[in-house]
Amino acid sequence: DLGIALDGDADRAMFVDEEGDVLSGDASLALLSREIVKERNGGIVVVPVSSSRIINRIVEPVGGEVVRCRIGARSLLDAMVTNRAIFGGEETGGFVFPEFQRGYDGIFAAAKTVEILALANTALSNLYGDLPNFYMSRQAVPCSMDLRGRIMRSLIEEFRDRQIDTIDGIKIFYDDNWILMHPSSEEPVINLYAEAPSKEAADRL
């Protein structure tokens, strides 16, 4: 019925449905967000700026609100406390259930997913089958540490006529598409995240 994979310290979880298909981290995050908001009749969900728009598309219609934060566990947990969120997580399989504990918990996420399936009496594929189709493309571009500030400033200037978000890095919106340029804090690279309704469009971005 369900496959569950945990990382080494069990703070992250990923899921496989009854057909053997692996859910993306964004799909798992969207699915858990929707079910928890429905249980609570509304509430705030916190996700990083790199997470899919799928979250907004399925959380807002059931009465939830999505708050975006900087990338990283500490930023996510701080934003959850500040906004009194009922749930939070990121697309890497880290999910936070604040009523249980304010930290990533893969075992609790697994238990919650099993509970959702049991109460709905349905297969996992049925629960995520109605999610909107969006595709993510990721790439790391080498960039020396001393050039990153100049590059990011020039990008802000170049795209000043577009809708941009500078919560963490630079996120540029193109109708239903977006691309995020996020300098790594640990490596001499700029990480690129792009999302679009098709894989080809995401790769082009």
C-alpha atoms as a PDB file:
ATOM      1  CA  ASP A   1       0.000   0.000   0.000  1.00  0.00           C
ATOM      2  CA  LEU A   2       2.754   2.445   0.871  1.00  0.00           C
ATOM      3  CA  GLY A   3       6.527   2.740   0.937  1.00  0.00           C
ATOM      4  CA  ILE A   4       8.339   5.010   3.377  1.00  0.00           C
ATOM      5  CA  ALA A   5      12.014   6.008   3.231  1.00  0.00           C
ATOM      6  CA  LEU A   6      13.713   7.800   6.128  1.00  0.00           C
ATOM      7  CA  ASP A   7      17.133   9.422   6.154  1.00  0.00           C
ATOM      8  CA  GLY A   8      19.869   8.422   8.601  1.00  0.00           C
ATOM      9  CA  ASP A   9      18.513  10.256  11.650  1.00  0.00           C
ATOM     10  CA  ALA A  10      14.846   9.869  10.634  1.00  0.00           C
ATOM     11  CA  ASP A  11      14.052  13.580  10.542  1.00  0.00           C
ATOM     12  CA  ARG A  12      13.060  13.433   6.851  1.00  0.00           C
ATOM     13  CA  ALA A  13      10.658  11.146   5.006  1.00  0.00           C
ATOM     14  CA  MET A  14       9.795  10.386   1.405  1.00  0.00           C
ATOM     15  CA  PHE A  15       6.917   8.245   0.156  1.00  0.00           C
ATOM     16  CA  VAL A  16       6.210   5.676  -2.560  1.00  0.00           C
ATOM     17  CA  ASP A  17       2.651   4.868  -3.636  1.00  0.00           C
ATOM     18  CA  GLU A  18       1.043   1.471  -4.251  1.00  0.00           C
ATOM     19  CA  GLU A  19       2.197   1.541  -7.900  1.00  0.00           C
ATOM     20  CA  GLY A  20       5.832   2.034  -6.915  1.00  0.00           C
ATOM     21  CA  ASP A  21       5.905   5.693  -7.976  1.00  0.00           C
ATOM     22  CA  VAL A  22       7.941   8.021  -5.762  1.00  0.00           C
ATOM     23  CA  LEU A  23       6.169  11.192  -4.645  1.00  0.00           C
ATOM     24  CA  SER A  24       8.235  14.308  -5.116  1.00  0.00           C
ATOM     25  CA  GLY A  25       9.029  16.227  -1.949  1.00  0.00           C
ATOM     26  CA  ASP A  26       6.767  19.039  -3.163  1.00  0.00           C
ATOM     27  CA  ALA A  27       3.859  16.623  -3.688  1.00  0.00           C
ATOM     28  CA  SER A  28       4.273  15.161  -0.197  1.00  0.00           C
ATOM     29  CA  LEU A  29       4.483  18.656   1.295  1.00  0.00           C
ATOM     30  CA  ALA A  30       1.362  19.766  -0.591  1.00  0.00           C
ATOM     31  CA  LEU A  31      -0.585  16.659   0.370  1.00  0.00           C
ATOM     32  CA  LEU A  32       0.220  16.911   4.089  1.00  0.00           C
ATOM     33  CA  SER A  33      -0.418  20.675   4.070  1.00  0.00           C
ATOM     34  CA  ARG A  34      -3.875  20.269   2.549  1.00  0.00           C
ATOM     35  CA  GLU A  35      -4.957  17.478   4.887  1.00  0.00           C
ATOM     36  CA  ILE A  36      -3.792  19.289   8.024  1.00  0.00           C
ATOM     37  CA  VAL A  37      -5.443  22.569   7.011  1.00  0.00           C
ATOM     38  CA  LYS A  38      -8.679  20.672   6.341  1.00  0.00           C
ATOM     39  CA  GLU A  39      -8.462  18.984   9.765  1.00  0.00           C
ATOM     40  CA  ARG A  40      -7.954  22.344  11.485  1.00  0.00           C
ATOM     41  CA  ASN A  41     -10.446  24.312   9.367  1.00  0.00           C
ATOM     42  CA  GLY A  42      -7.759  26.752   8.292  1.00  0.00           C
ATOM     43  CA  GLY A  43      -4.404  27.929   9.519  1.00  0.00           C
ATOM     44  CA  ILE A  44      -0.966  29.018   8.369  1.00  0.00           C
ATOM     45  CA  VAL A  45       1.489  26.726   6.594  1.00  0.00           C
ATOM     46  CA  VAL A  46       5.143  27.803   6.306  1.00  0.00           C
ATOM     47  CA  VAL A  47       7.349  26.694   3.397  1.00  0.00           C
ATOM     48  CA  PRO A  48      10.625  28.024   1.955  1.00  0.00           C
ATOM     49  CA  VAL A  49      10.743  30.306  -1.041  1.00  0.00           C
ATOM     50  CA  SER A  50      12.043  27.364  -3.120  1.00  0.00           C
ATOM     51  CA  SER A  51       8.892  25.244  -2.666  1.00  0.00           C
ATOM     52  CA  SER A  52       6.356  24.682  -5.419  1.00  0.00           C
ATOM     53  CA  ARG A  53       3.341  26.866  -6.137  1.00  0.00           C
ATOM     54  CA  ILE A  54       1.322  23.664  -5.784  1.00  0.00           C
ATOM     55  CA  ILE A  55       1.214  24.462  -2.054  1.00  0.00           C
ATOM     56  CA  ASN A  56      -0.726  27.687  -2.630  1.00  0.00           C
ATOM     57  CA  ARG A  57      -2.984  26.122  -5.253  1.00  0.00           C
ATOM     58  CA  ILE A  58      -4.331  23.444  -2.908  1.00  0.00           C
ATOM     59  CA  VAL A  59      -4.005  25.019   0.556  1.00  0.00           C
ATOM     60  CA  GLU A  60      -5.761  28.322  -0.100  1.00  0.00           C
ATOM     61  CA  PRO A  61      -9.010  26.784  -1.473  1.00  0.00           C
ATOM     62  CA  VAL A  62      -9.475  24.826   1.782  1.00  0.00           C
ATOM     63  CA  GLY A  63      -9.033  27.921   3.952  1.00  0.00           C
ATOM     64  CA  GLY A  64      -5.295  27.901   4.594  1.00  0.00           C
ATOM     65  CA  GLU A  65      -2.648  30.586   4.211  1.00  0.00           C
ATOM     66  CA  VAL A  66       0.875  29.987   2.909  1.00  0.00           C
ATOM     67  CA  VAL A  67       3.805  31.964   4.323  1.00  0.00           C
ATOM     68  CA  ARG A  68       7.178  31.781   2.544  1.00  0.00           C
ATOM     69  CA  CYS A  69      10.488  32.000   4.373  1.00  0.00           C
ATOM     70  CA  ARG A  70      14.215  31.766   3.742  1.00  0.00           C
ATOM     71  CA  ILE A  71      15.732  28.396   2.826  1.00  0.00           C
ATOM     72  CA  GLY A  72      16.980  26.310   5.748  1.00  0.00           C
ATOM     73  CA  ALA A  73      15.640  24.562   8.834  1.00  0.00           C
ATOM     74  CA  ARG A  74      16.341  27.407  11.269  1.00  0.00           C
ATOM     75  CA  SER A  75      14.547  29.985   9.117  1.00  0.00           C
ATOM     76  CA  LEU A  76      11.571  27.650   8.679  1.00  0.00           C
ATOM     77  CA  LEU A  77      11.240  26.933  12.402  1.00  0.00           C
ATOM     78  CA  ASP A  78      11.592  30.619  13.320  1.00  0.00           C
ATOM     79  CA  ALA A  79       8.904  31.574  10.778  1.00  0.00           C
ATOM     80  CA  MET A  80       6.578  28.901  12.132  1.00  0.00           C
ATOM     81  CA  VAL A  81       6.889  30.241  15.672  1.00  0.00           C
ATOM     82  CA  THR A  82       6.478  33.859  14.548  1.00  0.00           C
ATOM     83  CA  ASN A  83       3.372  33.073  12.458  1.00  0.00           C
ATOM     84  CA  ARG A  84       1.899  30.467  14.845  1.00  0.00           C
ATOM     85  CA  ALA A  85       1.778  28.005  11.972  1.00  0.00           C
ATOM     86  CA  ILE A  86      -0.084  24.712  12.197  1.00  0.00           C
ATOM     87  CA  PHE A  87       2.322  22.964   9.804  1.00  0.00           C
ATOM     88  CA  GLY A  88       5.503  23.567   7.888  1.00  0.00           C
ATOM     89  CA  GLY A  89       8.050  21.801   5.764  1.00  0.00           C
ATOM     90  CA  GLU A  90      10.283  21.820   2.751  1.00  0.00           C
ATOM     91  CA  GLU A  91      10.571  19.882  -0.470  1.00  0.00           C
ATOM     92  CA  THR A  92      13.537  17.840   0.819  1.00  0.00           C
ATOM     93  CA  GLY A  93      11.207  15.734   2.997  1.00  0.00           C
ATOM     94  CA  GLY A  94      11.467  17.717   6.229  1.00  0.00           C
ATOM     95  CA  PHE A  95       8.047  18.188   7.850  1.00  0.00           C
ATOM     96  CA  VAL A  96       7.189  19.972  11.107  1.00  0.00           C
ATOM     97  CA  PHE A  97       4.146  19.208  13.258  1.00  0.00           C
ATOM     98  CA  PRO A  98       4.423  21.893  15.959  1.00  0.00           C
ATOM     99  CA  GLU A  99       1.834  20.400  18.297  1.00  0.00           C
ATOM    100  CA  PHE A 100       4.092  17.348  18.597  1.00  0.00           C
ATOM    101  CA  GLN A 101       7.511  18.999  18.404  1.00  0.00           C
ATOM    102  CA  ARG A 102       9.120  22.009  16.747  1.00  0.00           C
ATOM    103  CA  GLY A 103      11.546  20.132  14.577  1.00  0.00           C
ATOM    104  CA  TYR A 104      11.693  17.887  11.525  1.00  0.00           C
ATOM    105  CA  ASP A 105      10.268  14.444  12.264  1.00  0.00           C
ATOM    106  CA  GLY A 106      10.176  11.765   9.587  1.00  0.00           C
ATOM    107  CA  ILE A 107       8.634   9.141  11.862  1.00  0.00           C
ATOM    108  CA  PHE A 108       5.721  11.405  12.806  1.00  0.00           C
ATOM    109  CA  ALA A 109       5.286  12.357   9.121  1.00  0.00           C
ATOM    110  CA  ALA A 110       5.105   8.646   8.253  1.00  0.00           C
ATOM    111  CA  ALA A 111       2.548   8.002  11.007  1.00  0.00           C
ATOM    112  CA  LYS A 112       0.457  10.990   9.912  1.00  0.00           C
ATOM    113  CA  THR A 113       0.462   9.824   6.293  1.00  0.00           C
ATOM    114  CA  VAL A 114      -0.689   6.359   7.344  1.00  0.00           C
ATOM    115  CA  GLU A 115      -3.458   7.937   9.442  1.00  0.00           C
ATOM    116  CA  ILE A 116      -4.621  10.069   6.500  1.00  0.00           C
ATOM    117  CA  LEU A 117      -4.776   7.020   4.240  1.00  0.00           C
ATOM    118  CA  ALA A 118      -6.616   4.960   6.856  1.00  0.00           C
ATOM    119  CA  LEU A 119      -9.244   7.632   7.520  1.00  0.00           C
ATOM    120  CA  ALA A 120      -9.773   8.267   3.809  1.00  0.00           C
ATOM    121  CA  ASN A 121      -9.787   4.523   3.071  1.00  0.00           C
ATOM    122  CA  THR A 122      -8.085   5.156  -0.245  1.00  0.00           C
ATOM    123  CA  ALA A 123      -4.795   4.626  -2.030  1.00  0.00           C
ATOM    124  CA  LEU A 124      -2.006   7.175  -1.840  1.00  0.00           C
ATOM    125  CA  SER A 125      -2.137   7.721  -5.606  1.00  0.00           C
ATOM    126  CA  ASN A 126      -5.769   8.853  -5.274  1.00  0.00           C
ATOM    127  CA  LEU A 127      -4.848  11.497  -2.706  1.00  0.00           C
ATOM    128  CA  TYR A 128      -2.210  13.198  -4.814  1.00  0.00           C
ATOM    129  CA  GLY A 129      -3.746  12.458  -8.225  1.00  0.00           C
ATOM    130  CA  ASP A 130      -5.641  15.749  -8.235  1.00  0.00           C
ATOM    131  CA  LEU A 131      -2.608  17.928  -7.542  1.00  0.00           C
ATOM    132  CA  PRO A 132      -1.834  20.503 -10.268  1.00  0.00           C
ATOM    133  CA  ASN A 133       0.992  19.553 -12.625  1.00  0.00           C
ATOM    134  CA  PHE A 134       4.105  21.633 -12.079  1.00  0.00           C
ATOM    135  CA  TYR A 135       7.662  20.631 -12.830  1.00  0.00           C
ATOM    136  CA  MET A 136      10.838  21.684 -11.050  1.00  0.00           C
ATOM    137  CA  SER A 137      14.273  21.971 -12.613  1.00  0.00           C
ATOM    138  CA  ARG A 138      17.401  22.505 -10.504  1.00  0.00           C
ATOM    139  CA  GLN A 139      20.969  23.369 -11.393  1.00  0.00           C
ATOM    140  CA  ALA A 140      24.078  24.683  -9.632  1.00  0.00           C
ATOM    141  CA  VAL A 141      26.174  27.282 -11.469  1.00  0.00           C
ATOM    142  CA  PRO A 142      29.794  27.810 -10.339  1.00  0.00           C
ATOM    143  CA  CYS A 143      30.398  31.318  -8.993  1.00  0.00           C
ATOM    144  CA  SER A 144      33.275  32.574  -6.870  1.00  0.00           C
ATOM    145  CA  MET A 145      32.297  33.972  -3.486  1.00  0.00           C
ATOM    146  CA  ASP A 146      33.714  37.430  -4.218  1.00  0.00           C
ATOM    147  CA  LEU A 147      31.537  37.901  -7.334  1.00  0.00           C
ATOM    148  CA  ARG A 148      28.181  36.855  -5.899  1.00  0.00           C
ATOM    149  CA  GLY A 149      27.157  40.221  -4.464  1.00  0.00           C
ATOM    150  CA  ARG A 150      27.877  42.036  -7.716  1.00  0.00           C
ATOM    151  CA  ILE A 151      26.027  39.409  -9.759  1.00  0.00           C
ATOM    152  CA  MET A 152      22.946  39.480  -7.531  1.00  0.00           C
ATOM    153  CA  ARG A 153      22.802  43.288  -7.612  1.00  0.00           C
ATOM    154  CA  SER A 154      23.054  43.288 -11.409  1.00  0.00           C
ATOM    155  CA  LEU A 155      20.244  40.719 -11.642  1.00  0.00           C
ATOM    156  CA  ILE A 156      17.963  42.869  -9.500  1.00  0.00           C
ATOM    157  CA  GLU A 157      18.673  45.795 -11.820  1.00  0.00           C
ATOM    158  CA  GLU A 158      18.171  43.700 -14.973  1.00  0.00           C
ATOM    159  CA  PHE A 159      14.771  42.389 -13.863  1.00  0.00           C
ATOM    160  CA  ARG A 160      13.498  45.536 -12.121  1.00  0.00           C
ATOM    161  CA  ASP A 161      10.489  45.679 -14.486  1.00  0.00           C
ATOM    162  CA  ARG A 162       9.300  42.201 -13.463  1.00  0.00           C
ATOM    163  CA  GLN A 163       7.727  40.934 -10.271  1.00  0.00           C
ATOM    164  CA  ILE A 164      10.587  39.762  -8.073  1.00  0.00           C
ATOM    165  CA  ASP A 165      10.911  38.421  -4.541  1.00  0.00           C
ATOM    166  CA  THR A 166      14.077  38.879  -2.479  1.00  0.00           C
ATOM    167  CA  ILE A 167      13.146  36.918   0.675  1.00  0.00           C
ATOM    168  CA  ASP A 168      16.178  34.709  -0.019  1.00  0.00           C
ATOM    169  CA  GLY A 169      18.134  35.163  -3.228  1.00  0.00           C
ATOM    170  CA  ILE A 170      16.214  36.557  -6.202  1.00  0.00           C
ATOM    171  CA  LYS A 171      12.976  34.962  -7.375  1.00  0.00           C
ATOM    172  CA  ILE A 172      11.607  36.179 -10.726  1.00  0.00           C
ATOM    173  CA  PHE A 173       8.017  35.494 -11.781  1.00  0.00           C
ATOM    174  CA  TYR A 174       6.808  34.834 -15.334  1.00  0.00           C
ATOM    175  CA  ASP A 175       3.023  34.343 -15.186  1.00  0.00           C
ATOM    176  CA  ASP A 176       2.699  30.716 -13.953  1.00  0.00           C
ATOM    177  CA  ASN A 177       6.484  30.178 -14.035  1.00  0.00           C
ATOM    178  CA  TRP A 178       9.280  31.329 -11.753  1.00  0.00           C
ATOM    179  CA  ILE A 179      13.023  30.970 -11.299  1.00  0.00           C
ATOM    180  CA  LEU A 180      14.971  31.407  -8.070  1.00  0.00           C
ATOM    181  CA  MET A 181      18.682  32.275  -7.985  1.00  0.00           C
ATOM    182  CA  HIS A 182      20.026  31.411  -4.544  1.00  0.00           C
ATOM    183  CA  PRO A 183      23.733  31.738  -3.611  1.00  0.00           C
ATOM    184  CA  SER A 184      24.950  28.777  -1.560  1.00  0.00           C
ATOM    185  CA  SER A 185      26.239  29.641   1.900  1.00  0.00           C
ATOM    186  CA  GLU A 186      28.669  26.701   1.838  1.00  0.00           C
ATOM    187  CA  GLU A 187      29.923  26.319  -1.743  1.00  0.00           C
ATOM    188  CA  PRO A 188      31.071  28.715  -4.521  1.00  0.00           C
ATOM    189  CA  VAL A 189      27.880  28.168  -6.535  1.00  0.00           C
ATOM    190  CA  ILE A 190      24.538  29.845  -7.213  1.00  0.00           C
ATOM    191  CA  ASN A 191      21.700  27.342  -7.022  1.00  0.00           C
ATOM    192  CA  LEU A 192      18.937  27.743  -9.602  1.00  0.00           C
ATOM    193  CA  TYR A 193      15.378  26.509  -9.034  1.00  0.00           C
ATOM    194  CA  ALA A 194      12.816  26.826 -11.832  1.00  0.00           C
ATOM    195  CA  GLU A 195       9.160  25.804 -11.906  1.00  0.00           C
ATOM    196  CA  ALA A 196       6.752  25.659 -14.848  1.00  0.00           C
ATOM    197  CA  PRO A 197       3.734  23.639 -16.027  1.00  0.00           C
ATOM    198  CA  SER A 198       6.016  21.446 -18.180  1.00  0.00           C
ATOM    199  CA  LYS A 199       9.504  20.002 -17.741  1.00  0.00           C
ATOM    200  CA  GLU A 200      10.650  21.609 -21.005  1.00  0.00           C
ATOM    201  CA  ALA A 201       9.556  25.074 -19.858  1.00  0.00           C
ATOM    202  CA  ALA A 202      11.251  24.618 -16.468  1.00  0.00           C
ATOM    203  CA  ASP A 203      14.483  23.516 -18.173  1.00  0.00           C
ATOM    204  CA  ARG A 204      14.348  26.537 -20.520  1.00  0.00           C
ATOM    205  CA  LEU A 205      13.974  28.893 -17.548  1.00  0.00           C
END
